Each structure stands twice: as structure tokens, then as C-alpha cells.
Amino acid sequence: MPIDPQDTILTVQAGLAQLSTLIVSYSFSAIGAVILLVVGYIVAGLAERSIFAGLGHIHGFDATLRHFFSKIVRYAILILVVIMVLGQFGVQTASIIAAIGAIGLAIGLALQGTLQNIAAGIMLLALRPFRIGESVEVGSIAGSVEEIGLFATRLRTADGLYILAPNSTLWNQPVRNFSRNGVRRADISLSIGSWNDIDGAQKTLLALAGAEKRIRREPAPIAFVAGLGDTTVSLTLRYWTSAVDYFSTNIDMTKRAKQAFDSEGISIPLPPPEAPAPEARKQ
């Protein structure tokens, strides 16, 4: 059956008309999508800067948290913009949102431990049980805090070791902060022979504490008998000093107490000699 040229022309014209309609339609969609992307990108940046600046006006709000929350707002706006752009091309946004939710759930289950560290990091930065530069002890972890991150906290031990502790570990245990209150109490214990003048030994310890500028006058230092042995008396000098001077003061005062006792003839009893081994007695 011969093809009618007129029908062919009409078919081509209809196809071209439909194609032009699609081109015009998608052109407007593409232009709208570009406008949405540009406006969304600008709005996301403005929102990020506004959140960061606004949180900065809150006294004591940590800079890491400011970055974290401002970035969350930025990426949330960008994700919303992308969904709107896809909607311009006829994509079912409901299915996209459901897919994003499923993906987020899967990622959350896979990174459960990591998310716990992030949550713990936010709590540590918000409640501040310790700050950078403070000396802390958390369970078996002890050292000076060097950095508090969203995932882990970096510390340096007293002997210079590097520790990277997960935030969830630090958050789930009691924190002993040696620097927060600014002052610390120290005890120096010495044993003297029971034949010595106990009152004189106590006065010597108090005189040493009174001459040391790093020891606070309030609360006042005290010296007391802490225990009694068969031939010994245990004396304790208790005083308060700043957290920064705690170790250096303790070391110096222990040395000076021993030197003062020696100069005043206050004897520190020697331990009794060890009994010889049975083999040695038989010989």
C-alpha cells in the first residue's frame, strides 16, 4: 500500500510540535532548576553564617559546636533545594524523601558507635566537664586536655604520651577535674620516732608551711598526728595551694621537711633489719 506523502508530512509536523513543546517545557524547568539552585546556594550560605554568628553571641558557646550546627543547617537547606529541583522535572519527591530516610537509617545503624561519639562530643562541648589545658582523670585515662572534637578528645599524659579517647568513653564515666576549682589540698606524711618531741615536730612543719608563699593562708595549714606505731608516730602536714603549683610545692615541702627534721635532731626511724633466711641461719 503506497504511503501518502501528506500523511507523512502531518506525522512529522505533529512530532516536531510535540518535541518543541517538550523542549519549551523542559527549558522552563531547567531555568527554574538553575534559579532554585542559585537561590538555594545563596540562602544556605546566608543561613550558615547567620547561625554561626548568632551562636557566637551566646556566652561560652563552643566554636566547634557553632561550626557543627551551622553546617547542619547549610546541608539541610541544600538537600531540600535538590529535592525541589528534582520535583521540577517531574520526579516523585515523596519517594526520594523515603529513600533518603531509609539511607539515613541504614547509615545510622552502621555508624552507631560513631554517632554515639558525636552525641557525646556535643554534650562534652555543651556542658564542659573539662576544657582545653585542664588536667583530668576519666577511668583509666588521665592527662592534660589538648583538643575536644566531635568524635574524640586528645590528651597528653604527665609523661608525654599521646592519648586519643572516644568521646563516648569520656562521657559515660565520672570525670575527675584537677584544674577546674583552681586550688587543691595536699598532704605530706612523715614518720618520726616515738621518743621525739611531737609538738616540736608539728611546729616545725607549720613553720615551713608559713614560710612558703605558694601555700594559702586560708584555709590555714594544719599539722596533726595521723597514726601511731610501736616505735613511730606518723605526722601529716595538710595545706592548700593552687592547682598549678600543686606538684612543685609538694615536692619542695617534702624535701624541706626532711631537712628541717635533720637539722633539729628529729629522727626518722629506720625500718627493722630483715630476718636472715633459714638457709643462712643453718650455716
Protein backbone atom coordinates (compact mmCIF):
# COMPACT_ATOMS: atom_id res chain seq x y z
CA MET A 1 0.00 0.00 0.00
CA PRO A 2 1.60 3.27 -1.04
CA ILE A 3 2.40 5.81 1.67
CA ASP A 4 0.60 9.07 1.34
CA PRO A 5 3.14 11.92 1.41
CA GLN A 6 0.56 14.13 3.01
CA ASP A 7 0.21 11.77 5.98
CA THR A 8 3.98 11.65 6.39
CA ILE A 9 4.20 15.42 6.47
CA LEU A 10 1.41 15.63 9.03
CA THR A 11 3.10 12.99 11.23
CA VAL A 12 6.43 14.83 11.08
CA GLN A 13 4.77 18.13 11.87
CA ALA A 14 2.97 16.59 14.86
CA GLY A 15 6.22 15.10 16.11
CA LEU A 16 8.05 18.39 15.75
CA ALA A 17 5.26 20.22 17.53
CA GLN A 18 5.37 17.72 20.39
CA LEU A 19 9.17 17.94 20.53
CA SER A 20 9.08 21.73 20.61
CA THR A 21 6.51 21.60 23.40
CA LEU A 22 8.76 19.27 25.40
CA ILE A 23 11.79 21.46 24.73
CA VAL A 24 9.95 24.57 25.87
CA SER A 25 8.57 22.76 28.92
CA TYR A 26 11.93 21.34 29.96
CA SER A 27 13.64 24.61 29.18
CA PHE A 28 11.43 26.38 31.69
CA SER A 29 12.02 23.51 34.13
CA ALA A 30 15.77 23.77 33.59
CA ILE A 31 15.72 27.54 34.03
CA GLY A 32 13.63 27.14 37.18
CA ALA A 33 16.01 24.46 38.45
CA VAL A 34 19.03 26.69 37.88
CA ILE A 35 17.32 29.57 39.65
CA LEU A 36 16.42 27.29 42.55
CA LEU A 37 19.99 26.02 42.80
CA VAL A 38 21.48 29.52 42.76
CA VAL A 39 18.97 30.93 45.24
CA GLY A 40 19.22 27.84 47.45
CA TYR A 41 23.02 28.00 47.47
CA ILE A 42 22.92 31.67 48.45
CA VAL A 43 20.27 31.10 51.13
CA ALA A 44 22.22 28.13 52.54
CA GLY A 45 25.36 30.24 52.82
CA LEU A 46 23.50 33.13 54.46
CA ALA A 47 21.80 30.75 56.89
CA GLU A 48 25.12 29.13 57.80
CA ARG A 49 26.77 32.47 58.51
CA SER A 50 23.74 33.73 60.44
CA ILE A 51 23.61 30.63 62.65
CA PHE A 52 27.36 30.76 63.25
CA ALA A 53 27.25 34.45 64.17
CA GLY A 54 24.12 34.06 66.29
CA LEU A 55 25.58 31.21 68.33
CA GLY A 56 28.72 33.27 68.80
CA HIS A 57 26.71 35.79 70.80
CA ILE A 58 25.91 33.09 73.36
CA HIS A 59 28.49 33.36 76.13
CA GLY A 60 30.71 30.29 76.41
CA PHE A 61 29.24 28.50 73.39
CA ASP A 62 31.99 26.33 71.92
CA ALA A 63 33.34 27.19 68.46
CA THR A 64 33.26 23.54 67.40
CA LEU A 65 29.54 23.36 68.12
CA ARG A 66 29.00 26.61 66.23
CA HIS A 67 30.61 25.09 63.14
CA PHE A 68 28.70 21.84 63.60
CA PHE A 69 25.21 23.33 63.89
CA SER A 70 25.76 25.91 61.16
CA LYS A 71 26.95 23.17 58.77
CA ILE A 72 23.88 21.05 59.58
CA VAL A 73 21.60 23.97 58.66
CA ARG A 74 23.51 24.57 55.43
CA TYR A 75 23.37 20.96 54.24
CA ALA A 76 19.72 20.59 55.24
CA ILE A 77 18.81 23.57 53.05
CA LEU A 78 20.90 22.23 50.15
CA ILE A 79 19.22 18.81 50.37
CA LEU A 80 15.80 20.48 50.35
CA VAL A 81 16.81 22.53 47.29
CA VAL A 82 17.95 19.41 45.42
CA ILE A 83 14.60 17.70 46.15
CA MET A 84 12.75 20.76 44.84
CA VAL A 85 14.88 20.78 41.68
CA LEU A 86 14.10 17.14 41.02
CA GLY A 87 10.45 17.94 41.52
CA GLN A 88 10.73 20.48 38.68
CA PHE A 89 11.45 17.60 36.29
CA GLY A 90 8.50 15.51 37.45
CA VAL A 91 10.39 13.24 39.83
CA GLN A 92 8.27 11.95 42.70
CA THR A 93 9.76 13.73 45.71
CA ALA A 94 7.88 11.55 48.18
CA SER A 95 9.82 8.50 47.02
CA ILE A 96 13.06 10.48 47.21
CA ILE A 97 12.36 11.53 50.79
CA ALA A 98 11.51 7.94 51.70
CA ALA A 99 14.74 6.74 50.07
CA ILE A 100 16.77 9.38 51.93
CA GLY A 101 15.14 8.31 55.19
CA ALA A 102 15.94 4.65 54.52
CA ILE A 103 19.53 5.52 53.62
CA GLY A 104 19.87 7.65 56.75
CA LEU A 105 18.54 4.81 58.89
CA ALA A 106 20.97 2.34 57.34
CA ILE A 107 23.89 4.72 57.82
CA GLY A 108 22.80 5.36 61.41
CA LEU A 109 22.74 1.65 62.19
CA ALA A 110 26.11 1.11 60.51
CA LEU A 111 27.72 4.05 62.29
CA GLN A 112 26.03 3.60 65.65
CA GLY A 113 29.26 3.87 67.60
CA THR A 114 30.34 6.94 65.64
CA LEU A 115 27.01 8.64 66.22
CA GLN A 116 27.35 7.91 69.94
CA ASN A 117 30.72 9.65 69.90
CA ILE A 118 29.20 12.65 68.10
CA ALA A 119 26.36 12.88 70.63
CA ALA A 120 28.85 12.56 73.49
CA GLY A 121 31.08 15.20 71.89
CA ILE A 122 28.17 17.62 71.70
CA MET A 123 27.38 17.01 75.37
CA LEU A 124 31.03 17.47 76.37
CA LEU A 125 31.27 20.73 74.44
CA ALA A 126 27.95 21.99 75.79
CA LEU A 127 28.30 21.03 79.48
CA ARG A 128 32.09 21.42 79.63
CA PRO A 129 33.13 18.96 82.35
CA PHE A 130 36.66 19.80 81.20
CA ARG A 131 38.29 22.42 78.98
CA ILE A 132 41.46 22.59 76.93
CA GLY A 133 44.51 22.79 79.19
CA GLU A 134 42.86 21.19 82.24
CA SER A 135 44.19 18.04 83.89
CA VAL A 136 41.58 15.31 84.19
CA GLU A 137 41.18 11.65 85.04
CA VAL A 138 38.37 9.59 83.49
CA GLY A 139 38.51 5.92 84.40
CA SER A 140 41.94 4.69 83.35
CA ILE A 141 42.56 7.75 81.17
CA ALA A 142 44.46 10.65 82.71
CA GLY A 143 46.22 13.64 81.21
CA SER A 144 46.02 17.24 80.09
CA VAL A 145 43.28 18.03 77.55
CA GLU A 146 44.66 19.33 74.25
CA GLU A 147 41.64 19.18 71.93
CA ILE A 148 37.93 18.34 72.23
CA GLY A 149 36.48 17.17 68.92
CA LEU A 150 33.11 15.86 67.86
CA PHE A 151 34.40 12.28 67.63
CA ALA A 152 37.29 12.05 70.09
CA THR A 153 39.29 14.03 72.64
CA ARG A 154 43.08 14.35 72.50
CA LEU A 155 45.06 14.31 75.75
CA ARG A 156 48.72 14.32 76.79
CA THR A 157 49.79 12.29 79.81
CA ALA A 158 52.16 13.55 82.51
CA ASP A 159 54.97 11.52 80.92
CA GLY A 160 54.31 12.96 77.45
CA LEU A 161 52.26 10.18 75.88
CA TYR A 162 49.58 10.86 73.26
CA ILE A 163 46.03 9.67 74.02
CA LEU A 164 43.06 9.83 71.64
CA ALA A 165 39.96 8.87 73.64
CA PRO A 166 36.50 8.31 72.08
CA ASN A 167 34.03 10.85 73.41
CA SER A 168 31.52 8.18 74.42
CA THR A 169 34.16 6.69 76.75
CA LEU A 170 34.74 10.04 78.44
CA TRP A 171 31.04 10.89 78.69
CA ASN A 172 29.91 7.61 80.26
CA GLN A 173 32.29 7.75 83.25
CA PRO A 174 32.82 10.11 86.20
CA VAL A 175 35.28 12.91 85.44
CA ARG A 176 37.89 14.00 87.99
CA ASN A 177 39.00 17.50 87.03
CA PHE A 178 42.14 18.54 88.92
CA SER A 179 42.23 22.06 87.48
CA ARG A 180 38.64 23.30 87.49
CA ASN A 181 38.44 24.65 91.06
CA GLY A 182 41.82 26.34 90.86
CA VAL A 183 43.05 25.08 94.25
CA ARG A 184 43.99 21.68 95.61
CA ARG A 185 44.70 20.20 99.01
CA ALA A 186 47.98 18.41 99.60
CA ASP A 187 49.11 16.09 102.40
CA ILE A 188 52.72 15.38 103.33
CA SER A 189 53.15 12.41 105.66
CA LEU A 190 56.31 11.71 107.67
CA SER A 191 57.10 9.18 110.39
CA ILE A 192 59.28 10.07 113.36
CA GLY A 193 60.46 8.06 116.32
CA SER A 194 58.05 7.99 119.25
CA TRP A 195 60.81 9.32 121.56
CA ASN A 196 60.93 12.66 119.69
CA ASP A 197 59.12 15.85 120.68
CA ILE A 198 55.84 15.55 118.77
CA ASP A 199 54.75 19.13 119.47
CA GLY A 200 58.11 20.43 118.30
CA ALA A 201 57.86 18.41 115.09
CA GLN A 202 54.38 19.80 114.42
CA LYS A 203 55.60 23.37 114.97
CA THR A 204 58.46 22.75 112.57
CA LEU A 205 56.07 21.60 109.85
CA LEU A 206 53.77 24.59 110.40
CA ALA A 207 56.73 26.98 110.29
CA LEU A 208 57.78 25.52 106.94
CA ALA A 209 54.26 25.95 105.60
CA GLY A 210 54.08 29.54 106.86
CA ALA A 211 57.30 30.42 105.08
CA GLU A 212 56.16 29.05 101.73
CA LYS A 213 54.45 31.69 99.56
CA ARG A 214 52.71 29.12 97.37
CA ILE A 215 50.75 27.76 100.33
CA ARG A 216 47.48 29.56 101.01
CA ARG A 217 46.76 31.15 104.37
CA GLU A 218 43.06 30.29 104.11
CA PRO A 219 42.31 27.53 104.85
CA ALA A 220 45.24 27.59 107.24
CA PRO A 221 47.78 24.75 107.12
CA ILE A 222 47.49 22.16 109.88
CA ALA A 223 49.85 19.51 111.25
CA PHE A 224 48.42 16.54 113.10
CA VAL A 225 49.19 13.02 114.30
CA ALA A 226 47.83 10.67 111.66
CA GLY A 227 48.80 7.35 113.24
CA LEU A 228 50.78 5.54 115.91
CA GLY A 229 53.10 2.57 115.56
CA ASP A 230 55.09 0.52 118.04
CA THR A 231 58.01 2.92 117.90
CA THR A 232 56.83 5.53 115.38
CA VAL A 233 54.47 8.46 115.13
CA SER A 234 53.00 9.40 111.74
CA LEU A 235 52.65 13.15 111.21
CA THR A 236 50.76 14.83 108.37
CA LEU A 237 51.10 18.39 107.13
CA ARG A 238 47.93 19.43 105.28
CA TYR A 239 47.77 22.63 103.26
CA TRP A 240 46.07 24.19 100.23
CA THR A 241 47.78 25.56 97.14
CA SER A 242 46.88 26.47 93.58
CA ALA A 243 46.33 23.62 91.14
CA VAL A 244 49.21 24.88 89.01
CA ASP A 245 51.68 24.76 91.95
CA TYR A 246 50.40 21.50 93.43
CA PHE A 247 53.17 19.12 92.35
CA SER A 248 56.09 21.52 92.64
CA THR A 249 55.01 22.61 96.13
CA ASN A 250 54.52 19.02 97.27
CA ILE A 251 57.99 18.03 96.09
CA ASP A 252 59.70 21.04 97.68
CA MET A 253 57.87 20.76 101.01
CA THR A 254 58.68 17.07 101.38
CA LYS A 255 62.37 17.80 100.91
CA ARG A 256 62.35 20.77 103.29
CA ALA A 257 60.52 18.80 105.99
CA LYS A 258 63.18 16.10 105.94
CA GLN A 259 65.98 18.68 106.03
CA ALA A 260 64.33 20.58 108.90
CA PHE A 261 63.90 17.40 110.94
CA ASP A 262 67.54 16.51 110.40
CA SER A 263 68.75 19.96 111.47
CA GLU A 264 66.64 19.86 114.64
CA GLY A 265 67.61 16.32 115.54
CA ILE A 266 64.17 14.84 114.95
CA SER A 267 64.93 11.31 113.90
CA ILE A 268 63.02 9.29 111.36
CA PRO A 269 63.24 5.63 112.42
CA LEU A 270 64.84 3.15 110.10
CA PRO A 271 62.94 0.00 109.16
CA PRO A 272 63.94 -3.06 111.22
CA PRO A 273 66.58 -5.28 109.63
CA GLU A 274 65.25 -8.21 107.66
CA ALA A 275 65.50 -11.59 109.35
CA PRO A 276 68.09 -13.88 107.74
CA ALA A 277 66.83 -16.63 105.53
CA PRO A 278 66.51 -20.14 107.06
CA GLU A 279 69.42 -21.41 104.96
CA ALA A 280 71.62 -18.60 106.28
CA ARG A 281 70.74 -19.42 109.92
CA LYS A 282 71.66 -23.09 109.44
CA GLN A 283 75.11 -22.11 108.21
